[in-house]
Amino acid sequence: MALTKIVSGGQTGADRAGLAAGKALGLETGGWLPRGCWTEDGPMPSLVTEYGMKEHPSSGYPPRTKANVEDSDGTVLFGNMGSPGYSLTIRLCLQLNRVYFPNPTPAQLDQFVTENEIQILNVAGNRESTNPGIYQRTYDTLMATLADKAALCT
């Protein structure tokens, strides 16, 4: 089994880094956005066409977070583990019996994806406004880890 897809909630920061890395690696991308394609930048319907995301019927963030956890084999989280969104994502992973890994190094992420046979990876974490630089840290970790794995998929 090999990684084939990255999903996220489309928010600024870690979510968008996951989508950008997936696209750069030639993986399928997707995930759920709140109704109205809402992000902290305002409505972003371009995420639907650019990354294959879907608009959730609910305008709230928790329902789209749950949908992304449900639709993936495992979740990787980046950023402040004490944030409300981070805590929600971990609770949902536990409720839905999905594996997760917080703030991995590239070697840890490689091991997580391999050992758990993850085909669809949910990338979650902080917004750029609450954790400046999280986009770049997430993107760099994903690229350092997944470049070889994505090459196996293409």
Foldseek 3Di string as FASTA:
>chain_A
DFAAEEEEQPEAFFRVLRQVLCVVLVHQYEFEYEAQCQYPVGRDCVCCVPRVYYYDPHNDDLVRLLVLLLVWQEEEEEDDCPDPVNVSNVVSCVVNVHYYYYPDALVVVLCVCVVSVTHYYYTYYDHCVVPPPRSVVNNVSCCVNCNVRSVVVD
